[in-house]
PDB file of N, CA and C in Angstrom:
ATOM      1  N   UNK A   1     121.752  97.516 139.407  1.00  0.00           N
ATOM      2  CA  UNK A   1     120.942  98.634 138.969  1.00  0.00           C
ATOM      3  C   UNK A   1     120.670  98.557 137.466  1.00  0.00           C
ATOM      4  N   UNK A   2     121.719  98.206 136.717  1.00  0.00           N
ATOM      5  CA  UNK A   2     121.566  98.120 135.268  1.00  0.00           C
ATOM      6  C   UNK A   2     120.581  97.016 134.878  1.00  0.00           C
ATOM      7  N   UNK A   3     120.630  95.908 135.608  1.00  0.00           N
ATOM      8  CA  UNK A   3     119.729  94.786 135.335  1.00  0.00           C
ATOM      9  C   UNK A   3     118.276  95.200 135.568  1.00  0.00           C
ATOM     10  N   UNK A   4     118.027  95.986 136.606  1.00  0.00           N
ATOM     11  CA  UNK A   4     116.662  96.448 136.884  1.00  0.00           C
ATOM     12  C   UNK A   4     116.165  97.366 135.777  1.00  0.00           C
ATOM     13  N   UNK A   5     117.030  98.199 135.244  1.00  0.00           N
ATOM     14  CA  UNK A   5     116.642  99.079 134.147  1.00  0.00           C
ATOM     15  C   UNK A   5     116.297  98.258 132.907  1.00  0.00           C
ATOM     16  N   UNK A   6     117.083  97.217 132.641  1.00  0.00           N
ATOM     17  CA  UNK A   6     116.824  96.369 131.479  1.00  0.00           C
ATOM     18  C   UNK A   6     115.496  95.615 131.643  1.00  0.00           C
ATOM     19  N   UNK A   7     115.234  95.095 132.837  1.00  0.00           N
ATOM     20  CA  UNK A   7     113.973  94.403 133.072  1.00  0.00           C
ATOM     21  C   UNK A   7     112.797  95.373 132.966  1.00  0.00           C
ATOM     22  N   UNK A   8     112.975  96.562 133.477  1.00  0.00           N
ATOM     23  CA  UNK A   8     111.920  97.563 133.398  1.00  0.00           C
ATOM     24  C   UNK A   8     111.617  97.957 131.970  1.00  0.00           C
ATOM     25  N   UNK A   9     112.651  98.072 131.154  1.00  0.00           N
ATOM     26  CA  UNK A   9     112.417  98.421 129.752  1.00  0.00           C
ATOM     27  C   UNK A   9     111.742  97.279 129.014  1.00  0.00           C
ATOM     28  N   UNK A  10     112.007  96.040 129.410  1.00  0.00           N
ATOM     29  CA  UNK A  10     111.363  94.885 128.762  1.00  0.00           C
ATOM     30  C   UNK A  10     109.862  94.877 129.041  1.00  0.00           C
ATOM     31  N   UNK A  11     109.468  95.045 130.297  1.00  0.00           N
ATOM     32  CA  UNK A  11     108.028  95.021 130.577  1.00  0.00           C
ATOM     33  C   UNK A  11     107.341  96.244 130.009  1.00  0.00           C
ATOM     34  N   UNK A  12     108.052  97.364 129.937  1.00  0.00           N
ATOM     35  CA  UNK A  12     107.465  98.565 129.351  1.00  0.00           C
ATOM     36  C   UNK A  12     107.229  98.371 127.855  1.00  0.00           C
ATOM     37  N   UNK A  13     108.185  97.761 127.187  1.00  0.00           N
ATOM     38  CA  UNK A  13     108.046  97.478 125.763  1.00  0.00           C
ATOM     39  C   UNK A  13     106.855  96.565 125.502  1.00  0.00           C
ATOM     40  N   UNK A  14     106.744  95.498 126.250  1.00  0.00           N
ATOM     41  CA  UNK A  14     105.648  94.553 126.044  1.00  0.00           C
ATOM     42  C   UNK A  14     104.306  95.186 126.404  1.00  0.00           C
ATOM     43  N   UNK A  15     104.262  96.003 127.435  1.00  0.00           N
ATOM     44  CA  UNK A  15     102.985  96.598 127.831  1.00  0.00           C
ATOM     45  C   UNK A  15     102.470  97.591 126.799  1.00  0.00           C
ATOM     46  N   UNK A  16     103.370  98.306 126.126  1.00  0.00           N
ATOM     47  CA  UNK A  16     102.926  99.269 125.120  1.00  0.00           C
ATOM     48  C   UNK A  16     102.706  98.638 123.750  1.00  0.00           C
ATOM     49  N   UNK A  17     103.540  97.698 123.366  1.00  0.00           N
ATOM     50  CA  UNK A  17     103.476  97.159 122.012  1.00  0.00           C
ATOM     51  C   UNK A  17     102.732  95.839 121.906  1.00  0.00           C
ATOM     52  N   UNK A  18     102.448  95.212 123.010  1.00  0.00           N
ATOM     53  CA  UNK A  18     101.667  93.984 122.988  1.00  0.00           C
ATOM     54  C   UNK A  18     102.523  92.737 123.003  1.00  0.00           C
ATOM     55  N   UNK A  19     101.840  91.628 122.929  1.00  0.00           N
ATOM     56  CA  UNK A  19     102.506  90.337 123.062  1.00  0.00           C
ATOM     57  C   UNK A  19     103.335  90.006 121.835  1.00  0.00           C
ATOM     58  N   UNK A  20     103.032  90.581 120.697  1.00  0.00           N
ATOM     59  CA  UNK A  20     103.831  90.308 119.502  1.00  0.00           C
ATOM     60  C   UNK A  20     105.241  90.870 119.677  1.00  0.00           C
ATOM     61  N   UNK A  21     105.381  91.960 120.393  1.00  0.00           N
ATOM     62  CA  UNK A  21     106.715  92.498 120.673  1.00  0.00           C
ATOM     63  C   UNK A  21     107.508  91.570 121.583  1.00  0.00           C
ATOM     64  N   UNK A  22     106.804  90.717 122.298  1.00  0.00           N
ATOM     65  CA  UNK A  22     107.483  89.751 123.161  1.00  0.00           C
ATOM     66  C   UNK A  22     108.292  88.755 122.335  1.00  0.00           C
ATOM     67  N   UNK A  23     107.894  88.546 121.090  1.00  0.00           N
ATOM     68  CA  UNK A  23     108.666  87.676 120.186  1.00  0.00           C
ATOM     69  C   UNK A  23     110.076  88.227 120.029  1.00  0.00           C
ATOM     70  N   UNK A  24     110.206  89.548 119.993  1.00  0.00           N
ATOM     71  CA  UNK A  24     111.527  90.164 119.895  1.00  0.00           C
ATOM     72  C   UNK A  24     112.392  89.906 121.114  1.00  0.00           C
ATOM     73  N   UNK A  25     111.781  89.574 122.228  1.00  0.00           N
ATOM     74  CA  UNK A  25     112.531  89.236 123.431  1.00  0.00           C
ATOM     75  C   UNK A  25     112.766  87.732 123.543  1.00  0.00           C
ATOM     76  N   UNK A  26     111.856  86.941 122.994  1.00  0.00           N
ATOM     77  CA  UNK A  26     111.953  85.490 123.097  1.00  0.00           C
ATOM     78  C   UNK A  26     112.948  84.927 122.089  1.00  0.00           C
ATOM     79  N   UNK A  27     112.905  85.424 120.872  1.00  0.00           N
ATOM     80  CA  UNK A  27     113.724  84.866 119.791  1.00  0.00           C
ATOM     81  C   UNK A  27     115.219  84.850 120.112  1.00  0.00           C
ATOM     82  N   UNK A  28     115.812  85.923 120.632  1.00  0.00           N
ATOM     83  CA  UNK A  28     117.244  85.849 120.938  1.00  0.00           C
ATOM     84  C   UNK A  28     117.596  84.817 122.001  1.00  0.00           C
ATOM     85  N   UNK A  29     116.711  84.616 122.969  1.00  0.00           N
ATOM     86  CA  UNK A  29     116.977  83.601 124.000  1.00  0.00           C
ATOM     87  C   UNK A  29     116.959  82.198 123.406  1.00  0.00           C
ATOM     88  N   UNK A  30     116.007  81.952 122.513  1.00  0.00           N
ATOM     89  CA  UNK A  30     115.943  80.643 121.872  1.00  0.00           C
ATOM     90  C   UNK A  30     117.163  80.399 120.992  1.00  0.00           C
ATOM     91  N   UNK A  31     117.539  81.404 120.215  1.00  0.00           N
ATOM     92  CA  UNK A  31     118.670  81.257 119.299  1.00  0.00           C
ATOM     93  C   UNK A  31     119.973  81.114 120.076  1.00  0.00           C
ATOM     94  N   UNK A  32     120.100  81.847 121.152  1.00  0.00           N
ATOM     95  CA  UNK A  32     121.328  81.758 121.946  1.00  0.00           C
ATOM     96  C   UNK A  32     121.522  80.362 122.507  1.00  0.00           C
ATOM     97  N   UNK A  33     120.426  79.702 122.873  1.00  0.00           N
ATOM     98  CA  UNK A  33     120.532  78.325 123.372  1.00  0.00           C
ATOM     99  C   UNK A  33     120.858  77.355 122.247  1.00  0.00           C
ATOM    100  N   UNK A  34     120.483  77.686 121.010  1.00  0.00           N
ATOM    101  CA  UNK A  34     120.729  76.794 119.883  1.00  0.00           C
ATOM    102  C   UNK A  34     122.123  76.950 119.287  1.00  0.00           C
ATOM    103  N   UNK A  35     122.572  78.206 119.070  1.00  0.00           N
ATOM    104  CA  UNK A  35     123.839  78.398 118.352  1.00  0.00           C
ATOM    105  C   UNK A  35     124.940  79.031 119.184  1.00  0.00           C
ATOM    106  N   UNK A  36     124.642  79.461 120.390  1.00  0.00           N
ATOM    107  CA  UNK A  36     125.676  80.057 121.228  1.00  0.00           C
ATOM    108  C   UNK A  36     125.614  81.573 121.227  1.00  0.00           C
ATOM    109  N   UNK A  37     126.631  82.192 121.776  1.00  0.00           N
ATOM    110  CA  UNK A  37     126.602  83.631 121.995  1.00  0.00           C
ATOM    111  C   UNK A  37     127.401  84.465 121.014  1.00  0.00           C
ATOM    112  N   UNK A  38     127.849  83.891 119.901  1.00  0.00           N
ATOM    113  CA  UNK A  38     128.620  84.650 118.918  1.00  0.00           C
ATOM    114  C   UNK A  38     127.695  85.616 118.183  1.00  0.00           C
ATOM    115  N   UNK A  39     127.924  86.922 118.357  1.00  0.00           N
ATOM    116  CA  UNK A  39     127.018  87.933 117.810  1.00  0.00           C
ATOM    117  C   UNK A  39     126.990  87.967 116.292  1.00  0.00           C
ATOM    118  N   UNK A  40     128.025  87.462 115.647  1.00  0.00           N
ATOM    119  CA  UNK A  40     128.014  87.437 114.185  1.00  0.00           C
ATOM    120  C   UNK A  40     126.880  86.564 113.669  1.00  0.00           C
ATOM    121  N   UNK A  41     126.549  85.530 114.415  1.00  0.00           N
ATOM    122  CA  UNK A  41     125.475  84.630 114.003  1.00  0.00           C
ATOM    123  C   UNK A  41     124.198  84.867 114.800  1.00  0.00           C
ATOM    124  N   UNK A  42     124.338  85.337 116.016  1.00  0.00           N
ATOM    125  CA  UNK A  42     123.193  85.486 116.911  1.00  0.00           C
ATOM    126  C   UNK A  42     122.214  86.549 116.428  1.00  0.00           C
ATOM    127  N   UNK A  43     122.702  87.686 116.002  1.00  0.00           N
ATOM    128  CA  UNK A  43     121.813  88.788 115.622  1.00  0.00           C
ATOM    129  C   UNK A  43     121.002  88.458 114.361  1.00  0.00           C
ATOM    130  N   UNK A  44     121.635  87.994 113.273  1.00  0.00           N
ATOM    131  CA  UNK A  44     120.803  87.634 112.112  1.00  0.00           C
ATOM    132  C   UNK A  44     119.885  86.445 112.371  1.00  0.00           C
ATOM    133  N   UNK A  45     120.374  85.468 113.107  1.00  0.00           N
ATOM    134  CA  UNK A  45     119.543  84.291 113.396  1.00  0.00           C
ATOM    135  C   UNK A  45     118.363  84.663 114.293  1.00  0.00           C
ATOM    136  N   UNK A  46     118.526  85.648 115.171  1.00  0.00           N
ATOM    137  CA  UNK A  46     117.418  86.096 116.015  1.00  0.00           C
ATOM    138  C   UNK A  46     116.316  86.722 115.178  1.00  0.00           C
ATOM    139  N   UNK A  47     116.699  87.487 114.166  1.00  0.00           N
ATOM    140  CA  UNK A  47     115.703  88.070 113.262  1.00  0.00           C
ATOM    141  C   UNK A  47     114.942  87.020 112.488  1.00  0.00           C
ATOM    142  N   UNK A  48     115.673  86.026 112.002  1.00  0.00           N
ATOM    143  CA  UNK A  48     115.029  84.934 111.263  1.00  0.00           C
ATOM    144  C   UNK A  48     114.126  84.129 112.196  1.00  0.00           C
ATOM    145  N   UNK A  49     114.603  83.842 113.397  1.00  0.00           N
ATOM    146  CA  UNK A  49     113.799  83.072 114.360  1.00  0.00           C
ATOM    147  C   UNK A  49     112.530  83.835 114.745  1.00  0.00           C
ATOM    148  N   UNK A  50     112.649  85.136 114.961  1.00  0.00           N
ATOM    149  CA  UNK A  50     111.469  85.932 115.292  1.00  0.00           C
ATOM    150  C   UNK A  50     110.450  85.922 114.173  1.00  0.00           C
ATOM    151  N   UNK A  51     110.934  86.027 112.932  1.00  0.00           N
ATOM    152  CA  UNK A  51     110.021  85.982 111.789  1.00  0.00           C
ATOM    153  C   UNK A  51     109.353  84.618 111.674  1.00  0.00           C
ATOM    154  N   UNK A  52     110.120  83.548 111.894  1.00  0.00           N
ATOM    155  CA  UNK A  52     109.550  82.203 111.815  1.00  0.00           C
ATOM    156  C   UNK A  52     108.537  81.946 112.928  1.00  0.00           C
ATOM    157  N   UNK A  53     108.845  82.430 114.133  1.00  0.00           N
ATOM    158  CA  UNK A  53     107.901  82.254 115.241  1.00  0.00           C
ATOM    159  C   UNK A  53     106.594  82.989 114.978  1.00  0.00           C
ATOM    160  N   UNK A  54     106.686  84.203 114.468  1.00  0.00           N
ATOM    161  CA  UNK A  54     105.478  84.969 114.192  1.00  0.00           C
ATOM    162  C   UNK A  54     104.705  84.377 113.024  1.00  0.00           C
ATOM    163  N   UNK A  55     105.415  83.869 112.016  1.00  0.00           N
ATOM    164  CA  UNK A  55     104.754  83.209 110.898  1.00  0.00           C
ATOM    165  C   UNK A  55     104.042  81.936 111.356  1.00  0.00           C
ATOM    166  N   UNK A  56     104.701  81.154 112.212  1.00  0.00           N
ATOM    167  CA  UNK A  56     104.079  79.941 112.735  1.00  0.00           C
ATOM    168  C   UNK A  56     102.863  80.280 113.591  1.00  0.00           C
ATOM    169  N   UNK A  57     102.961  81.320 114.403  1.00  0.00           N
ATOM    170  CA  UNK A  57     101.829  81.724 115.237  1.00  0.00           C
ATOM    171  C   UNK A  57     100.663  82.200 114.381  1.00  0.00           C
ATOM    172  N   UNK A  58     100.945  82.940 113.317  1.00  0.00           N
ATOM    173  CA  UNK A  58      99.891  83.419 112.434  1.00  0.00           C
ATOM    174  C   UNK A  58      99.220  82.261 111.699  1.00  0.00           C
ATOM    175  N   UNK A  59     100.035  81.337 111.207  1.00  0.00           N
ATOM    176  CA  UNK A  59      99.481  80.172 110.513  1.00  0.00           C
ATOM    177  C   UNK A  59      98.632  79.335 111.452  1.00  0.00           C
ATOM    178  N   UNK A  60      99.126  79.127 112.660  1.00  0.00           N
ATOM    179  CA  UNK A  60      98.378  78.350 113.644  1.00  0.00           C
ATOM    180  C   UNK A  60      97.082  79.048 114.040  1.00  0.00           C
ATOM    181  N   UNK A  61      97.124  80.370 114.165  1.00  0.00           N
ATOM    182  CA  UNK A  61      95.912  81.095 114.554  1.00  0.00           C
ATOM    183  C   UNK A  61      94.851  81.055 113.458  1.00  0.00           C
ATOM    184  N   UNK A  62      95.270  80.901 112.213  1.00  0.00           N
ATOM    185  CA  UNK A  62      94.302  80.792 111.123  1.00  0.00           C
ATOM    186  C   UNK A  62      93.771  79.374 110.960  1.00  0.00           C
ATOM    187  N   UNK A  63      94.518  78.374 111.435  1.00  0.00           N
ATOM    188  CA  UNK A  63      94.144  76.971 111.213  1.00  0.00           C
ATOM    189  C   UNK A  63      93.408  76.325 112.390  1.00  0.00           C
ATOM    190  N   UNK A  64      93.519  76.864 113.586  1.00  0.00           N
ATOM    191  CA  UNK A  64      92.917  76.221 114.761  1.00  0.00           C
ATOM    192  C   UNK A  64      91.402  76.109 114.602  1.00  0.00           C
ATOM    193  N   UNK A  65      90.759  77.220 114.376  1.00  0.00           N
ATOM    194  CA  UNK A  65      89.311  77.243 114.146  1.00  0.00           C
ATOM    195  C   UNK A  65      89.151  77.836 112.745  1.00  0.00           C
ATOM    196  N   UNK A  66      89.011  76.989 111.753  1.00  0.00           N
ATOM    197  CA  UNK A  66      89.136  77.368 110.347  1.00  0.00           C
ATOM    198  C   UNK A  66      88.304  78.580 109.915  1.00  0.00           C
ATOM    199  N   UNK A  67      87.021  78.669 110.159  1.00  0.00           N
ATOM    200  CA  UNK A  67      86.338  79.863 109.653  1.00  0.00           C
ATOM    201  C   UNK A  67      86.638  81.124 110.475  1.00  0.00           C
ATOM    202  N   UNK A  68      87.030  80.963 111.721  1.00  0.00           N
ATOM    203  CA  UNK A  68      87.298  82.111 112.590  1.00  0.00           C
ATOM    204  C   UNK A  68      88.805  82.254 112.753  1.00  0.00           C
ATOM    205  N   UNK A  69      89.290  83.470 112.657  1.00  0.00           N
ATOM    206  CA  UNK A  69      90.721  83.724 112.818  1.00  0.00           C
ATOM    207  C   UNK A  69      90.966  84.215 114.247  1.00  0.00           C
ATOM    208  N   UNK A  70      91.769  83.468 114.979  1.00  0.00           N
ATOM    209  CA  UNK A  70      92.144  83.893 116.333  1.00  0.00           C
ATOM    210  C   UNK A  70      93.149  85.034 116.252  1.00  0.00           C
ATOM    211  N   UNK A  71      93.198  85.895 117.245  1.00  0.00           N
ATOM    212  CA  UNK A  71      94.248  86.923 117.262  1.00  0.00           C
ATOM    213  C   UNK A  71      95.630  86.280 117.419  1.00  0.00           C
ATOM    214  N   UNK A  72      96.589  86.811 116.700  1.00  0.00           N
ATOM    215  CA  UNK A  72      97.948  86.276 116.749  1.00  0.00           C
ATOM    216  C   UNK A  72      98.521  86.427 118.153  1.00  0.00           C
ATOM    217  N   UNK A  73      98.140  87.468 118.843  1.00  0.00           N
ATOM    218  CA  UNK A  73      98.628  87.685 120.202  1.00  0.00           C
ATOM    219  C   UNK A  73      98.227  86.573 121.156  1.00  0.00           C
ATOM    220  N   UNK A  74      97.070  85.969 120.931  1.00  0.00           N
ATOM    221  CA  UNK A  74      96.640  84.864 121.792  1.00  0.00           C
ATOM    222  C   UNK A  74      97.539  83.653 121.607  1.00  0.00           C
ATOM    223  N   UNK A  75      97.914  83.384 120.369  1.00  0.00           N
ATOM    224  CA  UNK A  75      98.773  82.227 120.100  1.00  0.00           C
ATOM    225  C   UNK A  75     100.193  82.489 120.596  1.00  0.00           C
ATOM    226  N   UNK A  76     100.707  83.695 120.382  1.00  0.00           N
ATOM    227  CA  UNK A  76     102.063  83.995 120.845  1.00  0.00           C
ATOM    228  C   UNK A  76     102.147  84.035 122.366  1.00  0.00           C
ATOM    229  N   UNK A  77     101.045  84.342 123.021  1.00  0.00           N
ATOM    230  CA  UNK A  77     101.083  84.328 124.488  1.00  0.00           C
ATOM    231  C   UNK A  77     101.215  82.906 125.023  1.00  0.00           C
ATOM    232  N   UNK A  78     100.665  81.929 124.300  1.00  0.00           N
ATOM    233  CA  UNK A  78     100.856  80.534 124.704  1.00  0.00           C
ATOM    234  C   UNK A  78     102.309  80.115 124.572  1.00  0.00           C
ATOM    235  N   UNK A  79     103.016  80.705 123.637  1.00  0.00           N
ATOM    236  CA  UNK A  79     104.444  80.445 123.513  1.00  0.00           C
ATOM    237  C   UNK A  79     105.230  81.250 124.545  1.00  0.00           C
ATOM    238  N   UNK A  80     104.882  82.497 124.723  1.00  0.00           N
ATOM    239  CA  UNK A  80     105.656  83.393 125.567  1.00  0.00           C
ATOM    240  C   UNK A  80     105.538  83.149 127.051  1.00  0.00           C
ATOM    241  N   UNK A  81     104.367  82.757 127.507  1.00  0.00           N
ATOM    242  CA  UNK A  81     104.166  82.572 128.945  1.00  0.00           C
ATOM    243  C   UNK A  81     105.035  81.461 129.533  1.00  0.00           C
ATOM    244  N   UNK A  82     105.079  80.261 128.936  1.00  0.00           N
ATOM    245  CA  UNK A  82     105.953  79.236 129.519  1.00  0.00           C
ATOM    246  C   UNK A  82     107.434  79.608 129.453  1.00  0.00           C
ATOM    247  N   UNK A  83     107.841  80.240 128.361  1.00  0.00           N
ATOM    248  CA  UNK A  83     109.241  80.631 128.256  1.00  0.00           C
ATOM    249  C   UNK A  83     109.578  81.714 129.277  1.00  0.00           C
ATOM    250  N   UNK A  84     108.674  82.646 129.486  1.00  0.00           N
ATOM    251  CA  UNK A  84     108.893  83.702 130.467  1.00  0.00           C
ATOM    252  C   UNK A  84     109.009  83.113 131.870  1.00  0.00           C
ATOM    253  N   UNK A  85     108.146  82.161 132.190  1.00  0.00           N
ATOM    254  CA  UNK A  85     108.227  81.504 133.499  1.00  0.00           C
ATOM    255  C   UNK A  85     109.529  80.726 133.653  1.00  0.00           C
ATOM    256  N   UNK A  86     109.966  80.076 132.589  1.00  0.00           N
ATOM    257  CA  UNK A  86     111.242  79.359 132.624  1.00  0.00           C
ATOM    258  C   UNK A  86     112.397  80.319 132.889  1.00  0.00           C
ATOM    259  N   UNK A  87     112.398  81.459 132.204  1.00  0.00           N
ATOM    260  CA  UNK A  87     113.472  82.433 132.410  1.00  0.00           C
ATOM    261  C   UNK A  87     113.429  83.021 133.811  1.00  0.00           C
ATOM    262  N   UNK A  88     112.231  83.213 134.371  1.00  0.00           N
ATOM    263  CA  UNK A  88     112.116  83.711 135.735  1.00  0.00           C
ATOM    264  C   UNK A  88     112.682  82.705 136.744  1.00  0.00           C
ATOM    265  N   UNK A  89     112.325  81.446 136.579  1.00  0.00           N
ATOM    266  CA  UNK A  89     112.803  80.411 137.498  1.00  0.00           C
ATOM    267  C   UNK A  89     114.296  80.245 137.364  1.00  0.00           C
ATOM    268  N   UNK A  90     114.787  80.214 136.141  1.00  0.00           N
ATOM    269  CA  UNK A  90     116.226  80.061 135.917  1.00  0.00           C
ATOM    270  C   UNK A  90     117.002  81.260 136.464  1.00  0.00           C
ATOM    271  N   UNK A  91     116.431  82.452 136.306  1.00  0.00           N
ATOM    272  CA  UNK A  91     117.085  83.652 136.808  1.00  0.00           C
ATOM    273  C   UNK A  91     117.142  83.696 138.321  1.00  0.00           C
ATOM    274  N   UNK A  92     116.113  83.181 138.978  1.00  0.00           N
ATOM    275  CA  UNK A  92     116.125  83.189 140.445  1.00  0.00           C
ATOM    276  C   UNK A  92     117.102  82.149 141.002  1.00  0.00           C
ATOM    277  N   UNK A  93     117.360  81.086 140.247  1.00  0.00           N
ATOM    278  CA  UNK A  93     118.306  80.077 140.693  1.00  0.00           C
ATOM    279  C   UNK A  93     119.752  80.559 140.548  1.00  0.00           C
ATOM    280  N   UNK A  94     119.979  81.495 139.633  1.00  0.00           N
ATOM    281  CA  UNK A  94     121.339  82.007 139.428  1.00  0.00           C
ATOM    282  C   UNK A  94     121.780  82.929 140.546  1.00  0.00           C
ATOM    283  N   UNK A  95     120.864  83.485 141.294  1.00  0.00           N
ATOM    284  CA  UNK A  95     121.233  84.434 142.352  1.00  0.00           C
ATOM    285  C   UNK A  95     121.680  83.747 143.568  1.00  0.00           C
TER     286      UNK A  95
END
């Protein structure tokens, strides 16, 4: 039951705040795979990773088509969609 509430709050957050808020959900998963689950390092590193991901997405969105600026949400969705599918597949295998 608790897991369903957490999943529901995740999709609700993304639906109201947009794909950029999805970075806040993606960054901790990436950092946890890199440095482990120690919260002393995980929480600050997640903030730094989220900032770096959004900075990279913004830079990429400005450089892809030089005179035209793409929306940052379009670039972050290219990052978020494959990771979301990976987490879905991995989560279904754990059951």
